[in-house]
């Protein structure tokens, strides 16, 4: 599985629709805010990337808005139809 390093942490690229993972762009966009999350999900709409953090379902911080098991619901309700998306998982 392909990996990427951001903020000194290693992430596995779980999915990468249309090969849209761009290390330079993510280096600019990913901040310390994402350090606590187990996953970083990104979607591209209108040539802009939106990022969202997710937790493993067994994490006590997980709620419906940030539990990875609800990712498909988020994609359906909040992402543009046909948007390029990717999912990164923090390597522990």
N, C-alpha and C. Protein backbone atom coordinates (compact mmCIF):
# COMPACT_ATOMS: atom_id res chain seq x y z
N UNK A 1 0.84 -1.18 0.00
CA UNK A 1 0.00 0.00 0.00
C UNK A 1 0.89 1.25 0.00
N UNK A 2 0.52 2.22 -0.78
CA UNK A 2 1.29 3.46 -0.89
C UNK A 2 1.13 4.30 0.36
N UNK A 3 2.19 4.99 0.75
CA UNK A 3 2.17 5.82 1.96
C UNK A 3 2.61 7.24 1.64
N UNK A 4 2.24 8.14 2.57
CA UNK A 4 2.58 9.56 2.44
C UNK A 4 2.89 10.08 3.84
N UNK A 5 3.83 11.01 3.95
CA UNK A 5 4.16 11.59 5.25
C UNK A 5 3.65 13.02 5.31
N UNK A 6 2.90 13.33 6.39
CA UNK A 6 2.37 14.67 6.63
C UNK A 6 2.56 15.02 8.09
N UNK A 7 3.06 16.20 8.38
CA UNK A 7 3.28 16.66 9.76
C UNK A 7 4.12 15.67 10.56
N UNK A 8 5.07 15.00 9.90
CA UNK A 8 5.93 14.05 10.58
C UNK A 8 5.25 12.73 10.91
N UNK A 9 4.05 12.51 10.40
CA UNK A 9 3.33 11.25 10.64
C UNK A 9 3.11 10.55 9.31
N UNK A 10 3.08 9.23 9.37
CA UNK A 10 2.90 8.44 8.16
C UNK A 10 1.44 8.03 7.99
N UNK A 11 0.95 8.12 6.77
CA UNK A 11 -0.42 7.75 6.43
C UNK A 11 -0.39 6.76 5.26
N UNK A 12 -1.28 5.76 5.32
CA UNK A 12 -1.50 4.86 4.19
C UNK A 12 -2.55 5.50 3.30
N UNK A 13 -2.38 5.39 2.01
CA UNK A 13 -3.41 5.86 1.09
C UNK A 13 -4.38 4.70 0.89
N UNK A 14 -5.53 4.78 1.57
CA UNK A 14 -6.54 3.71 1.54
C UNK A 14 -7.28 3.73 0.21
N UNK A 15 -7.67 4.92 -0.23
CA UNK A 15 -8.32 5.06 -1.54
C UNK A 15 -7.89 6.38 -2.15
N UNK A 16 -7.84 6.40 -3.47
CA UNK A 16 -7.38 7.59 -4.20
C UNK A 16 -8.07 7.62 -5.57
N UNK A 17 -9.33 8.06 -5.57
CA UNK A 17 -10.09 8.14 -6.83
C UNK A 17 -9.39 9.09 -7.78
N UNK A 18 -9.20 8.67 -8.98
CA UNK A 18 -8.61 9.50 -10.03
C UNK A 18 -7.20 9.97 -9.71
N UNK A 19 -6.53 9.27 -8.81
CA UNK A 19 -5.13 9.61 -8.46
C UNK A 19 -5.01 11.09 -8.10
N UNK A 20 -5.85 11.54 -7.16
CA UNK A 20 -5.90 12.97 -6.83
C UNK A 20 -5.07 13.36 -5.61
N UNK A 21 -4.42 12.39 -4.93
CA UNK A 21 -3.59 12.74 -3.78
C UNK A 21 -2.38 13.53 -4.28
N UNK A 22 -2.23 14.72 -3.73
CA UNK A 22 -1.15 15.63 -4.12
C UNK A 22 -0.39 16.02 -2.86
N UNK A 23 0.80 15.48 -2.69
CA UNK A 23 1.57 15.71 -1.45
C UNK A 23 1.82 17.19 -1.21
N UNK A 24 2.16 17.94 -2.23
CA UNK A 24 2.44 19.37 -2.04
C UNK A 24 1.21 20.10 -1.54
N UNK A 25 0.07 19.83 -2.13
CA UNK A 25 -1.18 20.47 -1.71
C UNK A 25 -1.54 20.07 -0.28
N UNK A 26 -1.41 18.79 0.04
CA UNK A 26 -1.75 18.33 1.39
C UNK A 26 -0.79 18.90 2.43
N UNK A 27 0.46 19.07 2.08
CA UNK A 27 1.43 19.66 3.00
C UNK A 27 0.99 21.08 3.37
N UNK A 28 0.41 21.80 2.41
CA UNK A 28 -0.09 23.15 2.67
C UNK A 28 -1.38 23.14 3.50
N UNK A 29 -2.25 22.16 3.26
CA UNK A 29 -3.60 22.17 3.84
C UNK A 29 -3.73 21.44 5.18
N UNK A 30 -2.97 20.37 5.38
CA UNK A 30 -3.11 19.58 6.61
C UNK A 30 -2.38 20.30 7.74
N UNK A 31 -3.13 20.57 8.82
CA UNK A 31 -2.58 21.27 9.98
C UNK A 31 -2.60 20.36 11.20
N UNK A 32 -2.12 20.87 12.32
CA UNK A 32 -2.12 20.11 13.58
C UNK A 32 -3.52 19.66 13.97
N UNK A 33 -4.54 20.33 13.48
CA UNK A 33 -5.93 19.96 13.77
C UNK A 33 -6.19 18.48 13.47
N UNK A 34 -5.54 17.94 12.45
CA UNK A 34 -5.79 16.57 12.02
C UNK A 34 -4.95 15.53 12.76
N UNK A 35 -4.02 15.94 13.61
CA UNK A 35 -3.12 15.00 14.28
C UNK A 35 -3.84 13.95 15.12
N UNK A 36 -4.96 14.30 15.74
CA UNK A 36 -5.66 13.35 16.61
C UNK A 36 -6.54 12.37 15.86
N UNK A 37 -6.87 12.66 14.62
CA UNK A 37 -7.76 11.80 13.85
C UNK A 37 -7.03 10.57 13.30
N UNK A 38 -7.77 9.48 13.16
CA UNK A 38 -7.22 8.24 12.59
C UNK A 38 -7.20 8.28 11.07
N UNK A 39 -8.09 9.08 10.48
CA UNK A 39 -8.22 9.18 9.03
C UNK A 39 -8.34 10.64 8.60
N UNK A 40 -7.90 10.90 7.39
CA UNK A 40 -8.17 12.18 6.75
C UNK A 40 -8.85 11.87 5.42
N UNK A 41 -10.05 12.40 5.25
CA UNK A 41 -10.79 12.24 4.00
C UNK A 41 -10.73 13.56 3.25
N UNK A 42 -10.56 13.49 1.95
CA UNK A 42 -10.54 14.69 1.13
C UNK A 42 -11.40 14.54 -0.10
N UNK A 43 -12.04 15.64 -0.48
CA UNK A 43 -12.80 15.65 -1.74
C UNK A 43 -12.51 16.95 -2.47
N UNK A 44 -12.49 16.84 -3.79
CA UNK A 44 -12.24 17.99 -4.65
C UNK A 44 -13.53 18.42 -5.32
N UNK A 45 -13.91 19.66 -5.12
CA UNK A 45 -15.05 20.26 -5.79
C UNK A 45 -14.63 21.63 -6.29
N UNK A 46 -14.93 21.91 -7.54
CA UNK A 46 -14.60 23.21 -8.13
C UNK A 46 -13.12 23.56 -7.94
N UNK A 47 -12.26 22.57 -8.16
CA UNK A 47 -10.80 22.72 -8.07
C UNK A 47 -10.29 23.10 -6.69
N UNK A 48 -11.08 22.85 -5.65
CA UNK A 48 -10.64 23.09 -4.27
C UNK A 48 -10.78 21.80 -3.48
N UNK A 49 -9.86 21.59 -2.55
CA UNK A 49 -9.91 20.39 -1.72
C UNK A 49 -10.54 20.72 -0.37
N UNK A 50 -11.43 19.83 0.08
CA UNK A 50 -11.98 19.94 1.43
C UNK A 50 -11.49 18.72 2.20
N UNK A 51 -11.08 18.94 3.44
CA UNK A 51 -10.56 17.87 4.28
C UNK A 51 -11.45 17.67 5.50
N UNK A 52 -11.57 16.43 5.95
CA UNK A 52 -12.38 16.10 7.13
C UNK A 52 -11.68 14.97 7.87
N UNK A 53 -11.61 15.08 9.19
CA UNK A 53 -11.00 14.05 10.02
C UNK A 53 -12.02 13.04 10.51
N UNK A 54 -11.59 11.80 10.61
CA UNK A 54 -12.44 10.71 11.10
C UNK A 54 -11.69 9.87 12.11
N UNK A 55 -12.46 9.26 13.04
CA UNK A 55 -11.91 8.33 14.02
C UNK A 55 -12.34 6.91 13.69
N UNK A 56 -11.57 5.94 14.18
CA UNK A 56 -12.01 4.54 14.14
C UNK A 56 -13.30 4.45 14.95
N UNK A 57 -14.18 3.52 14.62
CA UNK A 57 -15.46 3.39 15.31
C UNK A 57 -15.31 3.08 16.79
N UNK A 58 -14.23 2.40 17.18
CA UNK A 58 -14.04 2.05 18.59
C UNK A 58 -13.38 3.15 19.41
N UNK A 59 -13.07 4.28 18.80
CA UNK A 59 -12.47 5.41 19.51
C UNK A 59 -13.56 6.12 20.32
N UNK A 60 -13.27 6.41 21.58
CA UNK A 60 -14.28 7.04 22.44
C UNK A 60 -14.67 8.44 21.97
N UNK A 61 -13.86 9.06 21.12
CA UNK A 61 -14.18 10.39 20.59
C UNK A 61 -15.10 10.34 19.37
N UNK A 62 -15.33 9.13 18.84
CA UNK A 62 -16.12 8.98 17.62
C UNK A 62 -17.60 9.31 17.87
N UNK A 63 -18.16 10.12 16.98
CA UNK A 63 -19.58 10.44 16.99
C UNK A 63 -20.09 10.26 15.56
N UNK A 64 -21.35 10.48 15.33
CA UNK A 64 -21.89 10.28 13.98
C UNK A 64 -21.22 11.19 12.96
N UNK A 65 -20.74 12.34 13.37
CA UNK A 65 -20.13 13.26 12.40
C UNK A 65 -18.66 12.96 12.11
N UNK A 66 -18.01 12.12 12.93
CA UNK A 66 -16.59 11.85 12.68
C UNK A 66 -16.21 10.37 12.84
N UNK A 67 -17.19 9.48 12.83
CA UNK A 67 -16.95 8.03 12.89
C UNK A 67 -16.78 7.52 11.46
N UNK A 68 -15.71 6.80 11.21
CA UNK A 68 -15.39 6.35 9.84
C UNK A 68 -16.51 5.51 9.25
N UNK A 69 -17.32 4.86 10.07
CA UNK A 69 -18.41 4.03 9.51
C UNK A 69 -19.49 4.86 8.82
N UNK A 70 -19.49 6.18 9.05
CA UNK A 70 -20.47 7.06 8.41
C UNK A 70 -19.88 7.81 7.20
N UNK A 71 -18.72 7.41 6.74
CA UNK A 71 -18.07 8.11 5.62
C UNK A 71 -18.93 8.08 4.36
N UNK A 72 -19.51 6.94 4.03
CA UNK A 72 -20.33 6.86 2.81
C UNK A 72 -21.53 7.80 2.88
N UNK A 73 -22.13 7.92 4.06
CA UNK A 73 -23.25 8.85 4.25
C UNK A 73 -22.78 10.28 3.99
N UNK A 74 -21.61 10.65 4.51
CA UNK A 74 -21.05 11.98 4.28
C UNK A 74 -20.83 12.22 2.79
N UNK A 75 -20.24 11.24 2.10
CA UNK A 75 -19.98 11.39 0.67
C UNK A 75 -21.28 11.66 -0.09
N UNK A 76 -22.32 10.89 0.25
CA UNK A 76 -23.60 11.02 -0.43
C UNK A 76 -24.26 12.37 -0.17
N UNK A 77 -24.20 12.83 1.08
CA UNK A 77 -24.92 14.04 1.47
C UNK A 77 -24.15 15.34 1.26
N UNK A 78 -22.83 15.30 1.31
CA UNK A 78 -22.07 16.55 1.31
C UNK A 78 -21.06 16.72 0.18
N UNK A 79 -20.76 15.67 -0.56
CA UNK A 79 -19.79 15.79 -1.64
C UNK A 79 -20.52 15.96 -2.97
N UNK A 80 -19.92 16.73 -3.86
CA UNK A 80 -20.49 16.91 -5.19
C UNK A 80 -20.50 15.58 -5.93
N UNK A 81 -21.53 15.38 -6.74
CA UNK A 81 -21.63 14.15 -7.52
C UNK A 81 -20.40 14.03 -8.41
N UNK A 82 -19.75 12.88 -8.36
CA UNK A 82 -18.58 12.63 -9.20
C UNK A 82 -17.30 13.28 -8.72
N UNK A 83 -17.31 13.85 -7.50
CA UNK A 83 -16.10 14.51 -6.98
C UNK A 83 -14.98 13.49 -6.81
N UNK A 84 -13.76 13.92 -7.06
CA UNK A 84 -12.59 13.09 -6.79
C UNK A 84 -12.42 13.04 -5.27
N UNK A 85 -12.14 11.86 -4.75
CA UNK A 85 -11.98 11.73 -3.29
C UNK A 85 -10.76 10.86 -2.96
N UNK A 86 -10.30 11.00 -1.72
CA UNK A 86 -9.23 10.13 -1.23
C UNK A 86 -9.41 9.94 0.27
N UNK A 87 -8.80 8.87 0.77
CA UNK A 87 -8.85 8.57 2.21
C UNK A 87 -7.46 8.13 2.64
N UNK A 88 -6.97 8.80 3.68
CA UNK A 88 -5.67 8.47 4.26
C UNK A 88 -5.89 7.91 5.67
N UNK A 89 -5.15 6.87 6.04
CA UNK A 89 -5.24 6.27 7.37
C UNK A 89 -3.89 6.40 8.06
N UNK A 90 -3.92 6.95 9.27
CA UNK A 90 -2.70 7.14 10.04
C UNK A 90 -2.09 5.79 10.39
N UNK A 91 -0.79 5.64 10.17
CA UNK A 91 -0.06 4.44 10.54
C UNK A 91 0.38 4.63 11.98
N UNK A 92 0.03 3.66 12.82
CA UNK A 92 0.35 3.80 14.26
C UNK A 92 1.65 3.14 14.59
